[in-house]
Amino acid sequence: MMIHAAEGGAGILIPVWQEIVVGAIAFGLLCYVLMKFVFPRMEKTFEARVDAIEGGIERAERAQEDADRTLEEYRRKLAGAQEEAAAIRDEARADAVAAKEEILTGAREEANRIIAAGHAQVEASRQQLVRELRSEVGNLAVDLAGKIISQRLADDDSVERTVDQFLAEMSDEPEASGAR
């Protein structure tokens, strides 16, 4: 390197021509290597990144569309399931009402049967009690009549006729007193 000094000024640095040639050759070789090997790889890497970013955006948009379709499908299915659940609840309520009515009808029939059986039993007991009372009242009436007239009726046929006549008179008496 050479330094030239001007009169009274600062020195100027002028390189040697061989250094300029070697620097130019080294710069050219560096540019060639960069352009041949490095820049294409950088370009491929850049394109891959652009593709990845754009592809990622496209994939995200497709995924969003798929998610929207799936969400809409789930909403339709949920609405269908809610309608089906409502139908099942309504059917269950109707079945419960029908079962309740059936149970109530059966219970009423059973109650009516029990009441009828009770009435029949009461009527049978009343009939038996009337027979027993008729016999007892007849015997008491005959004994009383025998004491009153101081004699005992001799045969059973006359006792039975007397009892029947007495009871018939007693049966007519409440009807006559109810008519008053």
C-alpha atoms as a PDB file:
ATOM      1  CA  MET A   1       0.000   0.000   0.000  1.00  0.00           C
ATOM      2  CA  MET A   2       1.152   3.421  -0.765  1.00  0.00           C
ATOM      3  CA  ILE A   3       0.445   6.635   0.922  1.00  0.00           C
ATOM      4  CA  HIS A   4       0.711   9.838  -1.116  1.00  0.00           C
ATOM      5  CA  ALA A   5       0.892  13.039   0.675  1.00  0.00           C
ATOM      6  CA  ALA A   6      -0.219  16.231  -0.833  1.00  0.00           C
ATOM      7  CA  GLU A   7       1.262  19.494   0.017  1.00  0.00           C
ATOM      8  CA  GLY A   8      -0.121  20.538   3.253  1.00  0.00           C
ATOM      9  CA  GLY A   9      -3.035  18.062   3.236  1.00  0.00           C
ATOM     10  CA  ALA A  10      -3.767  14.749   4.727  1.00  0.00           C
ATOM     11  CA  GLY A  11      -2.392  11.595   3.209  1.00  0.00           C
ATOM     12  CA  ILE A  12      -4.433   9.575   0.698  1.00  0.00           C
ATOM     13  CA  LEU A  13      -4.333   5.857   0.821  1.00  0.00           C
ATOM     14  CA  ILE A  14      -4.003   4.258  -2.615  1.00  0.00           C
ATOM     15  CA  PRO A  15      -3.936   0.474  -2.790  1.00  0.00           C
ATOM     16  CA  VAL A  16      -1.558  -1.474  -4.961  1.00  0.00           C
ATOM     17  CA  TRP A  17      -3.086  -2.796  -8.203  1.00  0.00           C
ATOM     18  CA  GLN A  18      -2.303  -6.412  -7.316  1.00  0.00           C
ATOM     19  CA  GLU A  19      -4.342  -6.136  -4.166  1.00  0.00           C
ATOM     20  CA  ILE A  20      -7.263  -4.765  -6.201  1.00  0.00           C
ATOM     21  CA  VAL A  21      -7.041  -7.697  -8.614  1.00  0.00           C
ATOM     22  CA  VAL A  22      -6.820 -10.293  -5.821  1.00  0.00           C
ATOM     23  CA  GLY A  23      -9.718  -8.608  -3.996  1.00  0.00           C
ATOM     24  CA  ALA A  24     -11.802  -8.537  -7.185  1.00  0.00           C
ATOM     25  CA  ILE A  25     -11.068 -12.232  -7.897  1.00  0.00           C
ATOM     26  CA  ALA A  26     -11.903 -13.166  -4.280  1.00  0.00           C
ATOM     27  CA  PHE A  27     -15.096 -11.068  -4.443  1.00  0.00           C
ATOM     28  CA  GLY A  28     -16.091 -12.691  -7.772  1.00  0.00           C
ATOM     29  CA  LEU A  29     -15.380 -16.166  -6.392  1.00  0.00           C
ATOM     30  CA  LEU A  30     -17.406 -15.383  -3.263  1.00  0.00           C
ATOM     31  CA  CYS A  31     -20.317 -14.072  -5.386  1.00  0.00           C
ATOM     32  CA  TYR A  32     -20.134 -17.189  -7.594  1.00  0.00           C
ATOM     33  CA  VAL A  33     -20.242 -19.559  -4.577  1.00  0.00           C
ATOM     34  CA  LEU A  34     -23.062 -17.584  -2.965  1.00  0.00           C
ATOM     35  CA  MET A  35     -25.098 -17.478  -6.190  1.00  0.00           C
ATOM     36  CA  LYS A  36     -24.450 -21.086  -7.137  1.00  0.00           C
ATOM     37  CA  PHE A  37     -24.882 -22.803  -3.771  1.00  0.00           C
ATOM     38  CA  VAL A  38     -26.090 -20.571  -0.964  1.00  0.00           C
ATOM     39  CA  PHE A  39     -28.785 -18.407  -2.602  1.00  0.00           C
ATOM     40  CA  PRO A  40     -30.646 -21.383  -4.219  1.00  0.00           C
ATOM     41  CA  ARG A  41     -30.755 -23.137  -0.857  1.00  0.00           C
ATOM     42  CA  MET A  42     -31.933 -19.985   0.824  1.00  0.00           C
ATOM     43  CA  GLU A  43     -34.581 -19.589  -1.909  1.00  0.00           C
ATOM     44  CA  LYS A  44     -35.743 -23.194  -1.397  1.00  0.00           C
ATOM     45  CA  THR A  45     -35.884 -22.642   2.350  1.00  0.00           C
ATOM     46  CA  PHE A  46     -37.826 -19.411   1.840  1.00  0.00           C
ATOM     47  CA  GLU A  47     -40.272 -21.127  -0.552  1.00  0.00           C
ATOM     48  CA  ALA A  48     -40.679 -24.006   1.907  1.00  0.00           C
ATOM     49  CA  ARG A  49     -41.471 -21.523   4.666  1.00  0.00           C
ATOM     50  CA  VAL A  50     -43.913 -19.662   2.432  1.00  0.00           C
ATOM     51  CA  ASP A  51     -45.559 -22.977   1.475  1.00  0.00           C
ATOM     52  CA  ALA A  52     -45.657 -24.040   5.103  1.00  0.00           C
ATOM     53  CA  ILE A  53     -47.200 -20.757   6.184  1.00  0.00           C
ATOM     54  CA  GLU A  54     -49.674 -20.600   3.287  1.00  0.00           C
ATOM     55  CA  GLY A  55     -50.383 -24.325   3.578  1.00  0.00           C
ATOM     56  CA  GLY A  56     -50.855 -23.914   7.314  1.00  0.00           C
ATOM     57  CA  ILE A  57     -53.305 -21.093   6.701  1.00  0.00           C
ATOM     58  CA  GLU A  58     -55.163 -23.184   4.104  1.00  0.00           C
ATOM     59  CA  ARG A  59     -55.166 -26.191   6.414  1.00  0.00           C
ATOM     60  CA  ALA A  60     -56.408 -23.979   9.258  1.00  0.00           C
ATOM     61  CA  GLU A  61     -59.185 -22.618   7.023  1.00  0.00           C
ATOM     62  CA  ARG A  62     -60.165 -26.170   5.981  1.00  0.00           C
ATOM     63  CA  ALA A  63     -60.041 -27.285   9.601  1.00  0.00           C
ATOM     64  CA  GLN A  64     -62.214 -24.303  10.555  1.00  0.00           C
ATOM     65  CA  GLU A  65     -64.711 -25.200   7.806  1.00  0.00           C
ATOM     66  CA  ASP A  66     -64.708 -28.840   8.950  1.00  0.00           C
ATOM     67  CA  ALA A  67     -65.187 -27.711  12.532  1.00  0.00           C
ATOM     68  CA  ASP A  68     -68.070 -25.452  11.490  1.00  0.00           C
ATOM     69  CA  ARG A  69     -69.724 -28.312   9.570  1.00  0.00           C
ATOM     70  CA  THR A  70     -69.195 -30.689  12.468  1.00  0.00           C
ATOM     71  CA  LEU A  71     -70.586 -28.127  14.910  1.00  0.00           C
ATOM     72  CA  GLU A  72     -73.671 -27.638  12.735  1.00  0.00           C
ATOM     73  CA  GLU A  73     -74.110 -31.407  12.445  1.00  0.00           C
ATOM     74  CA  TYR A  74     -73.824 -31.793  16.236  1.00  0.00           C
ATOM     75  CA  ARG A  75     -76.366 -29.033  16.718  1.00  0.00           C
ATOM     76  CA  ARG A  76     -78.778 -30.802  14.370  1.00  0.00           C
ATOM     77  CA  LYS A  77     -78.182 -34.089  16.159  1.00  0.00           C
ATOM     78  CA  LEU A  78     -78.651 -32.398  19.543  1.00  0.00           C
ATOM     79  CA  ALA A  79     -81.915 -30.842  18.380  1.00  0.00           C
ATOM     80  CA  GLY A  80     -83.037 -34.275  17.121  1.00  0.00           C
ATOM     81  CA  ALA A  81     -82.015 -35.889  20.393  1.00  0.00           C
ATOM     82  CA  GLN A  82     -83.913 -33.229  22.355  1.00  0.00           C
ATOM     83  CA  GLU A  83     -87.003 -33.820  20.233  1.00  0.00           C
ATOM     84  CA  GLU A  84     -86.648 -37.568  20.706  1.00  0.00           C
ATOM     85  CA  ALA A  85     -86.198 -37.114  24.468  1.00  0.00           C
ATOM     86  CA  ALA A  86     -89.322 -34.943  24.572  1.00  0.00           C
ATOM     87  CA  ALA A  87     -91.240 -37.603  22.641  1.00  0.00           C
ATOM     88  CA  ILE A  88     -89.995 -40.301  25.005  1.00  0.00           C
ATOM     89  CA  ARG A  89     -90.970 -38.171  28.035  1.00  0.00           C
ATOM     90  CA  ASP A  90     -94.427 -37.568  26.565  1.00  0.00           C
ATOM     91  CA  GLU A  91     -94.832 -41.278  25.843  1.00  0.00           C
ATOM     92  CA  ALA A  92     -93.677 -42.134  29.374  1.00  0.00           C
ATOM     93  CA  ARG A  93     -96.162 -39.656  30.814  1.00  0.00           C
ATOM     94  CA  ALA A  94     -98.947 -41.135  28.696  1.00  0.00           C
ATOM     95  CA  ASP A  95     -97.930 -44.635  29.801  1.00  0.00           C
ATOM     96  CA  ALA A  96     -97.870 -43.483  33.429  1.00  0.00           C
ATOM     97  CA  VAL A  97    -101.331 -41.933  33.111  1.00  0.00           C
ATOM     98  CA  ALA A  98    -102.646 -45.101  31.447  1.00  0.00           C
ATOM     99  CA  ALA A  99    -101.064 -47.273  34.157  1.00  0.00           C
ATOM    100  CA  LYS A 100    -102.510 -44.994  36.842  1.00  0.00           C
ATOM    101  CA  GLU A 101    -105.973 -45.218  35.290  1.00  0.00           C
ATOM    102  CA  GLU A 102    -105.643 -48.990  34.984  1.00  0.00           C
ATOM    103  CA  ILE A 103    -104.564 -49.288  38.624  1.00  0.00           C
ATOM    104  CA  LEU A 104    -107.383 -46.989  39.758  1.00  0.00           C
ATOM    105  CA  THR A 105    -109.926 -48.941  37.708  1.00  0.00           C
ATOM    106  CA  GLY A 106    -108.649 -52.206  39.167  1.00  0.00           C
ATOM    107  CA  ALA A 107    -108.750 -50.736  42.661  1.00  0.00           C
ATOM    108  CA  ARG A 108    -112.319 -49.472  42.142  1.00  0.00           C
ATOM    109  CA  GLU A 109    -113.409 -52.862  40.827  1.00  0.00           C
ATOM    110  CA  GLU A 110    -111.730 -54.589  43.771  1.00  0.00           C
ATOM    111  CA  ALA A 111    -113.334 -52.122  46.210  1.00  0.00           C
ATOM    112  CA  ASN A 112    -116.743 -52.673  44.602  1.00  0.00           C
ATOM    113  CA  ARG A 113    -116.226 -56.431  44.777  1.00  0.00           C
ATOM    114  CA  ILE A 114    -115.215 -56.204  48.439  1.00  0.00           C
ATOM    115  CA  ILE A 115    -118.173 -53.919  49.195  1.00  0.00           C
ATOM    116  CA  ALA A 116    -120.554 -56.278  47.390  1.00  0.00           C
ATOM    117  CA  ALA A 117    -119.083 -59.240  49.265  1.00  0.00           C
ATOM    118  CA  GLY A 118    -119.467 -57.294  52.515  1.00  0.00           C
ATOM    119  CA  HIS A 119    -123.094 -56.432  51.698  1.00  0.00           C
ATOM    120  CA  ALA A 120    -123.773 -60.072  50.860  1.00  0.00           C
ATOM    121  CA  GLN A 121    -122.141 -61.173  54.080  1.00  0.00           C
ATOM    122  CA  VAL A 122    -124.051 -58.574  56.094  1.00  0.00           C
ATOM    123  CA  GLU A 123    -127.311 -59.650  54.413  1.00  0.00           C
ATOM    124  CA  ALA A 124    -126.561 -63.312  55.153  1.00  0.00           C
ATOM    125  CA  SER A 125    -125.710 -62.449  58.760  1.00  0.00           C
ATOM    126  CA  ARG A 126    -128.890 -60.368  59.017  1.00  0.00           C
ATOM    127  CA  GLN A 127    -130.983 -63.229  57.615  1.00  0.00           C
ATOM    128  CA  GLN A 128    -129.404 -65.666  60.057  1.00  0.00           C
ATOM    129  CA  LEU A 129    -129.874 -63.220  62.909  1.00  0.00           C
ATOM    130  CA  VAL A 130    -133.534 -62.691  61.903  1.00  0.00           C
ATOM    131  CA  ARG A 131    -134.073 -66.450  61.897  1.00  0.00           C
ATOM    132  CA  GLU A 132    -132.431 -66.806  65.288  1.00  0.00           C
ATOM    133  CA  LEU A 133    -134.324 -63.824  66.692  1.00  0.00           C
ATOM    134  CA  ARG A 134    -137.604 -65.056  65.216  1.00  0.00           C
ATOM    135  CA  SER A 135    -137.119 -68.384  66.921  1.00  0.00           C
ATOM    136  CA  GLU A 136    -136.044 -66.756  70.185  1.00  0.00           C
ATOM    137  CA  VAL A 137    -138.799 -64.121  70.081  1.00  0.00           C
ATOM    138  CA  GLY A 138    -141.334 -66.835  69.265  1.00  0.00           C
ATOM    139  CA  ASN A 139    -140.231 -68.919  72.219  1.00  0.00           C
ATOM    140  CA  LEU A 140    -140.275 -65.888  74.500  1.00  0.00           C
ATOM    141  CA  ALA A 141    -143.707 -64.875  73.217  1.00  0.00           C
ATOM    142  CA  VAL A 142    -145.085 -68.369  73.742  1.00  0.00           C
ATOM    143  CA  ASP A 143    -143.627 -68.517  77.252  1.00  0.00           C
ATOM    144  CA  LEU A 144    -145.037 -65.086  78.025  1.00  0.00           C
ATOM    145  CA  ALA A 145    -148.404 -65.945  76.541  1.00  0.00           C
ATOM    146  CA  GLY A 146    -148.388 -69.208  78.447  1.00  0.00           C
ATOM    147  CA  LYS A 147    -147.734 -67.373  81.674  1.00  0.00           C
ATOM    148  CA  ILE A 148    -150.393 -64.856  80.858  1.00  0.00           C
ATOM    149  CA  ILE A 149    -153.063 -67.382  80.063  1.00  0.00           C
ATOM    150  CA  SER A 150    -151.638 -69.781  82.592  1.00  0.00           C
ATOM    151  CA  GLN A 151    -151.425 -72.621  80.284  1.00  0.00           C
ATOM    152  CA  ARG A 152    -148.880 -74.060  77.997  1.00  0.00           C
ATOM    153  CA  LEU A 153    -149.712 -74.649  74.390  1.00  0.00           C
ATOM    154  CA  ALA A 154    -149.450 -78.334  73.825  1.00  0.00           C
ATOM    155  CA  ASP A 155    -148.374 -79.040  70.320  1.00  0.00           C
ATOM    156  CA  ASP A 156    -145.559 -77.602  68.222  1.00  0.00           C
ATOM    157  CA  ASP A 157    -147.834 -76.793  65.289  1.00  0.00           C
ATOM    158  CA  SER A 158    -149.914 -74.438  67.369  1.00  0.00           C
ATOM    159  CA  VAL A 159    -146.703 -72.841  68.779  1.00  0.00           C
ATOM    160  CA  GLU A 160    -145.362 -72.300  65.293  1.00  0.00           C
ATOM    161  CA  ARG A 161    -148.641 -70.821  64.051  1.00  0.00           C
ATOM    162  CA  THR A 162    -148.777 -68.509  67.039  1.00  0.00           C
ATOM    163  CA  VAL A 163    -145.170 -67.341  66.499  1.00  0.00           C
ATOM    164  CA  ASP A 164    -145.743 -66.745  62.779  1.00  0.00           C
ATOM    165  CA  GLN A 165    -148.923 -64.799  63.499  1.00  0.00           C
ATOM    166  CA  PHE A 166    -147.128 -62.720  66.133  1.00  0.00           C
ATOM    167  CA  LEU A 167    -144.213 -61.936  63.815  1.00  0.00           C
ATOM    168  CA  ALA A 168    -146.543 -61.063  60.970  1.00  0.00           C
ATOM    169  CA  GLU A 169    -148.328 -58.626  63.233  1.00  0.00           C
ATOM    170  CA  MET A 170    -144.994 -57.119  64.264  1.00  0.00           C
ATOM    171  CA  SER A 171    -143.941 -56.782  60.604  1.00  0.00           C
ATOM    172  CA  ASP A 172    -147.158 -54.935  59.806  1.00  0.00           C
ATOM    173  CA  GLU A 173    -146.820 -52.648  62.823  1.00  0.00           C
ATOM    174  CA  PRO A 174    -143.677 -50.719  61.630  1.00  0.00           C
ATOM    175  CA  GLU A 175    -145.291 -50.138  58.233  1.00  0.00           C
ATOM    176  CA  ALA A 176    -148.414 -48.800  59.887  1.00  0.00           C
ATOM    177  CA  SER A 177    -146.391 -46.565  62.247  1.00  0.00           C
ATOM    178  CA  GLY A 178    -144.262 -45.320  59.279  1.00  0.00           C
ATOM    179  CA  ALA A 179    -147.459 -44.389  57.399  1.00  0.00           C
ATOM    180  CA  ARG A 180    -148.630 -42.125  60.247  1.00  0.00           C
END
